[in-house]
Structure formats: structure tokens, C-alpha cells
């Protein structure tokens, strides 16, 4: 069975929403993919400098947020959404920050599952401080990236 990794999903989404960040994707995304909880704490404190050049305040990058949101989506997919959505979308965030899956199976997701993917991505992005319009665009890009992955257009 084919799988999609957090890394691959995040990279595909960055390519779609911020292609200018693709050249720096690997070094910028690495801490968020390898140690998401630690990297998220730094991001929330506002002292995260993804490039390491003192440009953190000058350059707003989407790669860190995309990496964290992709991790939440992959975890939800690998869990089959089960317990994560029983109590409503608001509880997804708390569950998904506790454990992260590295990959999820690629399959023909139902419309309901894709709606849950979008809702998960939207809640997560907003929780990370992304404004409504950008969070909506990011959630849509995640769904499109998963559909492209499913259709083998990688």
C-alpha cells in the first residue's frame, strides 16, 4: 500500500502556496517535522528564527505552519479520524498535538473524510495564528495535495 509522509505532504503544499520557499524547505521544515512539539513551542513564543540569520521577524514564512498542519492531518488520517473527531473538530487539535504519525495510507478517501481533513487543517492553522483567509487557502491546498497524491500525480 502506498503512503504519504508528513514531509511529502508539507513539501507539496509549500510548492502550491509558497513556491518561493521551496529552495529553503528542507532546512526550514526540518525542526517542525523532526521535533514538532518543541518547534511549535518556539514558534508560539515568537523567538523562532527558521532561517537562523536573524530574519525571523522580517520574513514571514509559511513552511513552519505547513509542516505542523501537515503533521496533524497525517496523524488524523493514520488514526482514521476515529477518536479525534468524536467530540467535534475543536478536540482534534488537542489530540493531534500529543502524538504524530509520520505517514498515512493513500487511498480513495470519501467526501466526508476529505471534509474532516479540511476541517482538521483549518482548525490547526487557526490555532497557530493563521488568519482566516490564509487558513482556508492552506486547508484547501492540503486537500488538493492529498488528492494529487492519491491520483499518483506527484
N, C-alpha and C. Protein backbone atom coordinates (compact mmCIF):
# COMPACT_ATOMS: atom_id res chain seq x y z
N UNK A 1 0.84 -1.18 0.00
CA UNK A 1 0.00 0.00 0.00
C UNK A 1 0.89 1.24 0.00
N UNK A 2 0.49 2.20 -0.78
CA UNK A 2 1.20 3.47 -0.87
C UNK A 2 0.87 4.33 0.33
N UNK A 3 1.86 5.09 0.77
CA UNK A 3 1.65 6.00 1.89
C UNK A 3 2.11 7.40 1.50
N UNK A 4 1.64 8.36 2.27
CA UNK A 4 2.11 9.74 2.11
C UNK A 4 2.70 10.16 3.45
N UNK A 5 3.88 10.76 3.39
CA UNK A 5 4.56 11.18 4.62
C UNK A 5 4.23 12.64 4.92
N UNK A 6 4.46 13.01 6.16
CA UNK A 6 4.29 14.40 6.56
C UNK A 6 5.20 15.29 5.71
N UNK A 7 6.44 14.86 5.54
CA UNK A 7 7.41 15.61 4.75
C UNK A 7 6.90 15.84 3.34
N UNK A 8 6.44 14.78 2.67
CA UNK A 8 5.99 14.91 1.29
C UNK A 8 4.74 15.78 1.17
N UNK A 9 3.81 15.61 2.09
CA UNK A 9 2.61 16.44 2.07
C UNK A 9 2.97 17.91 2.28
N UNK A 10 3.80 18.18 3.27
CA UNK A 10 4.20 19.56 3.55
C UNK A 10 4.92 20.17 2.35
N UNK A 11 5.80 19.43 1.74
CA UNK A 11 6.56 19.95 0.60
C UNK A 11 5.63 20.25 -0.58
N UNK A 12 4.67 19.37 -0.82
CA UNK A 12 3.72 19.58 -1.92
C UNK A 12 2.88 20.84 -1.66
N UNK A 13 2.48 21.03 -0.42
CA UNK A 13 1.65 22.19 -0.08
C UNK A 13 2.47 23.48 -0.18
N UNK A 14 3.69 23.48 0.31
CA UNK A 14 4.56 24.66 0.19
C UNK A 14 4.77 24.98 -1.29
N UNK A 15 4.96 23.96 -2.10
CA UNK A 15 5.13 24.18 -3.54
C UNK A 15 3.91 24.89 -4.13
N UNK A 16 2.73 24.55 -3.63
CA UNK A 16 1.50 25.15 -4.15
C UNK A 16 1.23 26.55 -3.61
N UNK A 17 1.46 26.76 -2.31
CA UNK A 17 1.07 28.04 -1.69
C UNK A 17 2.21 29.04 -1.55
N UNK A 18 3.44 28.57 -1.54
CA UNK A 18 4.59 29.47 -1.38
C UNK A 18 5.80 28.90 -2.12
N UNK A 19 5.71 28.82 -3.44
CA UNK A 19 6.80 28.20 -4.21
C UNK A 19 8.16 28.85 -4.00
N UNK A 20 8.18 30.10 -3.62
CA UNK A 20 9.43 30.79 -3.35
C UNK A 20 10.18 30.23 -2.15
N UNK A 21 9.47 29.50 -1.29
CA UNK A 21 10.10 28.91 -0.10
C UNK A 21 10.64 27.50 -0.36
N UNK A 22 10.42 26.98 -1.55
CA UNK A 22 10.83 25.61 -1.85
C UNK A 22 12.34 25.41 -1.73
N UNK A 23 13.11 26.40 -2.15
CA UNK A 23 14.57 26.29 -2.10
C UNK A 23 15.07 26.13 -0.66
N UNK A 24 14.37 26.71 0.29
CA UNK A 24 14.80 26.61 1.70
C UNK A 24 13.94 25.63 2.50
N UNK A 25 13.11 24.86 1.81
CA UNK A 25 12.17 23.98 2.51
C UNK A 25 12.86 23.03 3.48
N UNK A 26 13.86 22.31 3.03
CA UNK A 26 14.49 21.27 3.87
C UNK A 26 15.02 21.82 5.20
N UNK A 27 15.88 22.85 5.18
CA UNK A 27 16.39 23.33 6.47
C UNK A 27 15.34 24.02 7.34
N UNK A 28 14.38 24.70 6.71
CA UNK A 28 13.37 25.40 7.49
C UNK A 28 12.37 24.42 8.08
N UNK A 29 11.94 23.44 7.30
CA UNK A 29 10.92 22.49 7.75
C UNK A 29 11.46 21.46 8.73
N UNK A 30 12.74 21.14 8.65
CA UNK A 30 13.31 20.05 9.44
C UNK A 30 12.94 20.08 10.93
N UNK A 31 13.11 21.19 11.64
CA UNK A 31 12.78 21.16 13.07
C UNK A 31 11.29 20.91 13.32
N UNK A 32 10.44 21.39 12.42
CA UNK A 32 8.99 21.23 12.59
C UNK A 32 8.54 19.81 12.25
N UNK A 33 9.29 19.14 11.40
CA UNK A 33 8.98 17.76 11.04
C UNK A 33 9.62 16.78 12.02
N UNK A 34 10.83 17.08 12.48
CA UNK A 34 11.56 16.16 13.36
C UNK A 34 11.14 16.27 14.82
N UNK A 35 10.88 17.47 15.28
CA UNK A 35 10.52 17.71 16.68
C UNK A 35 9.38 18.73 16.74
N UNK A 36 8.20 18.35 16.26
CA UNK A 36 7.12 19.33 16.12
C UNK A 36 6.69 20.02 17.42
N UNK A 37 6.62 19.29 18.51
CA UNK A 37 6.17 19.91 19.77
C UNK A 37 7.15 20.98 20.23
N UNK A 38 8.43 20.66 20.18
CA UNK A 38 9.46 21.62 20.59
C UNK A 38 9.47 22.83 19.65
N UNK A 39 9.42 22.57 18.36
CA UNK A 39 9.44 23.66 17.39
C UNK A 39 8.20 24.54 17.51
N UNK A 40 7.05 23.91 17.79
CA UNK A 40 5.83 24.69 17.96
C UNK A 40 5.91 25.59 19.18
N UNK A 41 6.49 25.09 20.27
CA UNK A 41 6.64 25.93 21.46
C UNK A 41 7.48 27.17 21.13
N UNK A 42 8.56 26.98 20.39
CA UNK A 42 9.40 28.11 20.00
C UNK A 42 8.64 29.07 19.10
N UNK A 43 7.87 28.53 18.18
CA UNK A 43 7.08 29.36 17.27
C UNK A 43 6.06 30.19 18.05
N UNK A 44 5.39 29.57 19.01
CA UNK A 44 4.38 30.28 19.81
C UNK A 44 5.00 31.35 20.70
N UNK A 45 6.23 31.11 21.17
CA UNK A 45 6.91 32.12 22.00
C UNK A 45 7.37 33.30 21.16
N UNK A 46 7.43 33.09 19.86
CA UNK A 46 7.84 34.17 18.98
C UNK A 46 9.33 34.32 18.82
N UNK A 47 10.09 33.37 19.37
CA UNK A 47 11.54 33.50 19.24
C UNK A 47 12.10 32.53 18.22
N UNK A 48 11.22 32.00 17.38
CA UNK A 48 11.68 31.07 16.36
C UNK A 48 12.23 31.83 15.17
N UNK A 49 13.42 31.49 14.77
CA UNK A 49 14.06 32.09 13.62
C UNK A 49 14.38 30.96 12.65
N UNK A 50 13.45 30.62 11.76
CA UNK A 50 13.61 29.43 10.94
C UNK A 50 14.86 29.44 10.07
N UNK A 51 15.32 30.60 9.66
CA UNK A 51 16.50 30.63 8.80
C UNK A 51 17.80 30.69 9.58
N UNK A 52 17.74 31.09 10.84
CA UNK A 52 18.95 31.18 11.63
C UNK A 52 19.82 32.37 11.29
N UNK A 53 19.26 33.37 10.61
CA UNK A 53 20.04 34.53 10.20
C UNK A 53 19.54 35.81 10.83
N UNK A 54 18.68 35.70 11.83
CA UNK A 54 18.15 36.90 12.44
C UNK A 54 17.04 37.54 11.62
N UNK A 55 16.47 36.79 10.69
CA UNK A 55 15.44 37.33 9.83
C UNK A 55 14.04 36.91 10.25
N UNK A 56 13.91 36.24 11.36
CA UNK A 56 12.62 35.71 11.78
C UNK A 56 11.50 36.74 11.78
N UNK A 57 11.78 37.96 12.25
CA UNK A 57 10.75 38.98 12.28
C UNK A 57 10.54 39.63 10.92
N UNK A 58 11.56 39.63 10.08
CA UNK A 58 11.47 40.33 8.81
C UNK A 58 10.77 39.48 7.74
N UNK A 59 10.90 38.20 7.83
CA UNK A 59 10.35 37.32 6.81
C UNK A 59 9.33 36.38 7.43
N UNK A 60 8.10 36.49 6.99
CA UNK A 60 7.07 35.58 7.48
C UNK A 60 6.99 34.40 6.53
N UNK A 61 7.39 33.24 7.02
CA UNK A 61 7.40 32.04 6.18
C UNK A 61 6.19 31.17 6.51
N UNK A 62 5.69 30.49 5.50
CA UNK A 62 4.56 29.58 5.71
C UNK A 62 5.03 28.15 5.97
N UNK A 63 6.27 27.84 5.61
CA UNK A 63 6.77 26.48 5.76
C UNK A 63 6.59 25.92 7.17
N UNK A 64 6.92 26.65 8.23
CA UNK A 64 6.73 26.07 9.57
C UNK A 64 5.28 25.70 9.86
N UNK A 65 4.35 26.56 9.50
CA UNK A 65 2.93 26.28 9.74
C UNK A 65 2.47 25.11 8.89
N UNK A 66 2.89 25.08 7.63
CA UNK A 66 2.51 23.97 6.75
C UNK A 66 3.02 22.65 7.30
N UNK A 67 4.24 22.64 7.81
CA UNK A 67 4.80 21.40 8.38
C UNK A 67 3.98 20.94 9.58
N UNK A 68 3.61 21.85 10.46
CA UNK A 68 2.84 21.49 11.65
C UNK A 68 1.42 21.04 11.28
N UNK A 69 0.79 21.75 10.36
CA UNK A 69 -0.57 21.38 9.94
C UNK A 69 -0.54 20.04 9.22
N UNK A 70 0.46 19.82 8.39
CA UNK A 70 0.57 18.54 7.68
C UNK A 70 0.73 17.39 8.66
N UNK A 71 1.50 17.61 9.72
CA UNK A 71 1.65 16.58 10.76
C UNK A 71 0.33 16.23 11.41
N UNK A 72 -0.49 17.23 11.68
CA UNK A 72 -1.80 16.99 12.28
C UNK A 72 -2.71 16.22 11.33
N UNK A 73 -2.66 16.57 10.06
CA UNK A 73 -3.50 15.90 9.07
C UNK A 73 -3.08 14.44 8.90
N UNK A 74 -1.80 14.20 8.78
CA UNK A 74 -1.31 12.82 8.61
C UNK A 74 -1.67 11.99 9.84
N UNK A 75 -1.54 12.55 11.02
CA UNK A 75 -1.92 11.83 12.24
C UNK A 75 -3.41 11.50 12.23
N UNK A 76 -4.23 12.46 11.84
CA UNK A 76 -5.68 12.22 11.77
C UNK A 76 -5.99 11.13 10.75
N UNK A 77 -5.33 11.17 9.60
CA UNK A 77 -5.57 10.15 8.58
C UNK A 77 -5.11 8.78 9.04
N UNK A 78 -3.97 8.73 9.71
CA UNK A 78 -3.47 7.43 10.17
C UNK A 78 -4.33 6.85 11.28
N UNK A 79 -4.98 7.73 12.04
CA UNK A 79 -5.91 7.29 13.09
C UNK A 79 -7.29 7.00 12.54
N UNK A 80 -7.50 7.28 11.27
CA UNK A 80 -8.81 7.11 10.68
C UNK A 80 -9.83 8.09 11.25
N UNK A 81 -9.37 9.16 11.84
CA UNK A 81 -10.18 10.21 12.46
C UNK A 81 -10.92 9.73 13.69
N UNK A 82 -11.17 8.47 13.83
CA UNK A 82 -11.86 7.88 14.96
C UNK A 82 -12.07 8.76 16.16
N UNK A 83 -11.26 8.58 17.17
CA UNK A 83 -11.41 9.30 18.43
C UNK A 83 -11.16 10.80 18.27
N UNK A 84 -10.38 11.17 17.28
CA UNK A 84 -10.01 12.57 17.13
C UNK A 84 -11.22 13.46 16.86
N UNK A 85 -12.24 12.94 16.20
CA UNK A 85 -13.36 13.79 15.86
C UNK A 85 -14.64 13.45 16.60
N UNK A 86 -14.60 12.48 17.50
CA UNK A 86 -15.81 12.11 18.23
C UNK A 86 -16.42 13.29 18.98
N UNK A 87 -15.57 14.09 19.59
CA UNK A 87 -16.07 15.21 20.39
C UNK A 87 -16.15 16.50 19.61
N UNK A 88 -16.01 16.46 18.30
CA UNK A 88 -16.07 17.66 17.49
C UNK A 88 -14.70 18.12 17.06
N UNK A 89 -14.67 18.98 16.06
CA UNK A 89 -13.42 19.42 15.47
C UNK A 89 -12.53 20.13 16.48
N UNK A 90 -13.11 20.83 17.44
CA UNK A 90 -12.31 21.55 18.43
C UNK A 90 -11.39 20.66 19.23
N UNK A 91 -11.79 19.41 19.43
CA UNK A 91 -10.96 18.48 20.20
C UNK A 91 -9.84 17.87 19.36
N UNK A 92 -9.95 17.99 18.04
CA UNK A 92 -8.92 17.44 17.16
C UNK A 92 -7.56 18.02 17.52
N UNK A 93 -7.50 19.33 17.70
CA UNK A 93 -6.23 20.00 17.98
C UNK A 93 -5.53 19.40 19.18
N UNK A 94 -6.27 19.23 20.28
CA UNK A 94 -5.64 18.71 21.50
C UNK A 94 -5.13 17.29 21.30
N UNK A 95 -5.89 16.46 20.64
CA UNK A 95 -5.46 15.08 20.42
C UNK A 95 -4.25 15.02 19.50
N UNK A 96 -4.28 15.81 18.44
CA UNK A 96 -3.23 15.71 17.43
C UNK A 96 -1.91 16.31 17.87
N UNK A 97 -1.91 17.13 18.88
CA UNK A 97 -0.64 17.68 19.36
C UNK A 97 0.08 16.71 20.27
N UNK A 98 -0.61 15.66 20.72
CA UNK A 98 0.01 14.71 21.64
C UNK A 98 0.84 13.65 20.92
N UNK A 99 0.38 13.19 19.76
CA UNK A 99 1.08 12.14 19.04
C UNK A 99 1.07 12.45 17.56
N UNK A 100 2.18 12.22 16.91
CA UNK A 100 2.28 12.49 15.49
C UNK A 100 2.65 11.23 14.73
N UNK A 101 1.87 10.94 13.69
CA UNK A 101 2.22 9.86 12.79
C UNK A 101 3.16 10.43 11.74
N UNK A 102 3.99 9.58 11.19
CA UNK A 102 4.94 10.01 10.18
C UNK A 102 4.33 9.89 8.78
N UNK A 103 3.45 8.90 8.60
CA UNK A 103 2.82 8.72 7.30
C UNK A 103 1.44 8.10 7.46
N UNK A 104 0.68 8.20 6.39
CA UNK A 104 -0.67 7.65 6.37
C UNK A 104 -0.88 6.95 5.03
N UNK A 105 -1.74 5.94 5.01
CA UNK A 105 -2.00 5.27 3.74
C UNK A 105 -2.73 6.17 2.75
N UNK A 106 -2.35 6.05 1.49
CA UNK A 106 -3.03 6.78 0.43
C UNK A 106 -4.13 5.86 -0.10
N UNK A 107 -5.33 6.37 -0.14
CA UNK A 107 -6.45 5.57 -0.61
C UNK A 107 -7.53 6.50 -1.15
N UNK A 108 -8.62 5.93 -1.57
CA UNK A 108 -9.75 6.73 -2.07
C UNK A 108 -10.55 7.23 -0.87
N UNK A 109 -10.27 8.43 -0.42
CA UNK A 109 -10.95 8.98 0.72
C UNK A 109 -12.36 9.42 0.32
N UNK A 110 -13.29 9.27 1.22
CA UNK A 110 -14.67 9.70 0.96
C UNK A 110 -14.75 11.22 1.06
N UNK A 111 -15.85 11.77 0.57
CA UNK A 111 -16.05 13.22 0.69
C UNK A 111 -16.08 13.63 2.15
N UNK A 112 -16.67 12.79 2.99
CA UNK A 112 -16.74 13.08 4.42
C UNK A 112 -15.33 13.12 5.04
N UNK A 113 -14.49 12.17 4.65
CA UNK A 113 -13.12 12.14 5.18
C UNK A 113 -12.34 13.37 4.71
N UNK A 114 -12.52 13.75 3.45
CA UNK A 114 -11.82 14.93 2.94
C UNK A 114 -12.32 16.20 3.62
N UNK A 115 -13.61 16.23 3.95
CA UNK A 115 -14.15 17.37 4.70
C UNK A 115 -13.52 17.42 6.09
N UNK A 116 -13.30 16.26 6.70
CA UNK A 116 -12.66 16.21 8.02
C UNK A 116 -11.19 16.62 7.92
N UNK A 117 -10.53 16.21 6.84
CA UNK A 117 -9.14 16.64 6.61
C UNK A 117 -9.09 18.16 6.55
N UNK A 118 -9.99 18.74 5.76
CA UNK A 118 -10.02 20.19 5.61
C UNK A 118 -10.31 20.87 6.95
N UNK A 119 -11.28 20.33 7.69
CA UNK A 119 -11.62 20.91 8.99
C UNK A 119 -10.44 20.81 9.96
N UNK A 120 -9.76 19.69 9.95
CA UNK A 120 -8.60 19.49 10.81
C UNK A 120 -7.51 20.51 10.47
N UNK A 121 -7.23 20.65 9.18
CA UNK A 121 -6.21 21.60 8.74
C UNK A 121 -6.60 23.03 9.09
N UNK A 122 -7.87 23.35 8.92
CA UNK A 122 -8.34 24.71 9.21
C UNK A 122 -8.23 25.04 10.70
N UNK A 123 -8.69 24.12 11.54
CA UNK A 123 -8.61 24.33 13.00
C UNK A 123 -7.15 24.47 13.43
N UNK A 124 -6.30 23.62 12.90
CA UNK A 124 -4.89 23.62 13.29
C UNK A 124 -4.20 24.91 12.85
N UNK A 125 -4.46 25.33 11.61
CA UNK A 125 -3.83 26.55 11.11
C UNK A 125 -4.28 27.76 11.92
N UNK A 126 -5.56 27.84 12.22
CA UNK A 126 -6.06 28.97 13.02
C UNK A 126 -5.48 28.94 14.42
N UNK A 127 -5.32 27.74 14.99
CA UNK A 127 -4.72 27.62 16.32
C UNK A 127 -3.27 28.10 16.32
N UNK A 128 -2.64 28.03 15.17
CA UNK A 128 -1.26 28.50 15.04
C UNK A 128 -1.18 29.99 14.69
N UNK A 129 -2.34 30.65 14.66
CA UNK A 129 -2.36 32.08 14.44
C UNK A 129 -2.50 32.53 12.99
N UNK A 130 -2.83 31.60 12.10
CA UNK A 130 -3.00 31.96 10.70
C UNK A 130 -4.37 32.64 10.54
N UNK A 131 -4.39 33.74 9.81
CA UNK A 131 -5.65 34.45 9.58
C UNK A 131 -6.61 33.61 8.75
N UNK A 132 -7.90 33.90 8.90
CA UNK A 132 -8.97 33.11 8.29
C UNK A 132 -8.75 32.81 6.81
N UNK A 133 -8.53 33.80 6.00
CA UNK A 133 -8.41 33.60 4.55
C UNK A 133 -7.22 32.71 4.21
N UNK A 134 -6.09 32.94 4.89
CA UNK A 134 -4.91 32.11 4.63
C UNK A 134 -5.10 30.70 5.16
N UNK A 135 -5.79 30.57 6.28
CA UNK A 135 -6.06 29.24 6.84
C UNK A 135 -6.97 28.45 5.90
N UNK A 136 -7.95 29.12 5.32
CA UNK A 136 -8.85 28.47 4.35
C UNK A 136 -8.05 28.00 3.13
N UNK A 137 -7.18 28.87 2.62
CA UNK A 137 -6.37 28.51 1.45
C UNK A 137 -5.44 27.34 1.77
N UNK A 138 -4.86 27.35 2.96
CA UNK A 138 -3.98 26.26 3.37
C UNK A 138 -4.75 24.95 3.49
N UNK A 139 -5.93 25.00 4.09
CA UNK A 139 -6.76 23.79 4.23
C UNK A 139 -7.13 23.24 2.86
N UNK A 140 -7.49 24.12 1.93
CA UNK A 140 -7.81 23.68 0.57
C UNK A 140 -6.59 23.06 -0.10
N UNK A 141 -5.42 23.67 0.08
CA UNK A 141 -4.20 23.15 -0.54
C UNK A 141 -3.84 21.77 0.01
N UNK A 142 -4.10 21.54 1.28
CA UNK A 142 -3.84 20.22 1.88
C UNK A 142 -4.72 19.17 1.20
N UNK A 143 -6.00 19.48 1.04
CA UNK A 143 -6.92 18.53 0.40
C UNK A 143 -6.49 18.25 -1.03
N UNK A 144 -6.17 19.30 -1.78
CA UNK A 144 -5.73 19.13 -3.16
C UNK A 144 -4.46 18.29 -3.22
N UNK A 145 -3.52 18.54 -2.33
CA UNK A 145 -2.27 17.78 -2.31
C UNK A 145 -2.54 16.30 -2.04
N UNK A 146 -3.46 16.01 -1.15
CA UNK A 146 -3.80 14.61 -0.87
C UNK A 146 -4.46 13.95 -2.09
N UNK A 147 -5.32 14.68 -2.77
CA UNK A 147 -5.96 14.14 -3.96
C UNK A 147 -4.94 13.89 -5.07
N UNK A 148 -3.99 14.80 -5.23
CA UNK A 148 -2.93 14.59 -6.22
C UNK A 148 -2.08 13.38 -5.85
N UNK A 149 -1.80 13.23 -4.57
CA UNK A 149 -1.03 12.08 -4.10
C UNK A 149 -1.80 10.79 -4.40
N UNK A 150 -3.08 10.80 -4.11
CA UNK A 150 -3.93 9.64 -4.36
C UNK A 150 -3.95 9.27 -5.83
N UNK A 151 -3.98 10.29 -6.69
CA UNK A 151 -4.05 10.06 -8.13
C UNK A 151 -2.69 9.81 -8.76
N UNK A 152 -1.64 9.79 -7.93
CA UNK A 152 -0.30 9.49 -8.42
C UNK A 152 0.31 10.61 -9.25
N UNK A 153 -0.12 11.83 -9.01
CA UNK A 153 0.42 12.98 -9.75
C UNK A 153 1.42 13.73 -8.91
N UNK A 154 2.43 13.01 -8.46
CA UNK A 154 3.40 13.61 -7.56
C UNK A 154 4.55 14.12 -8.19
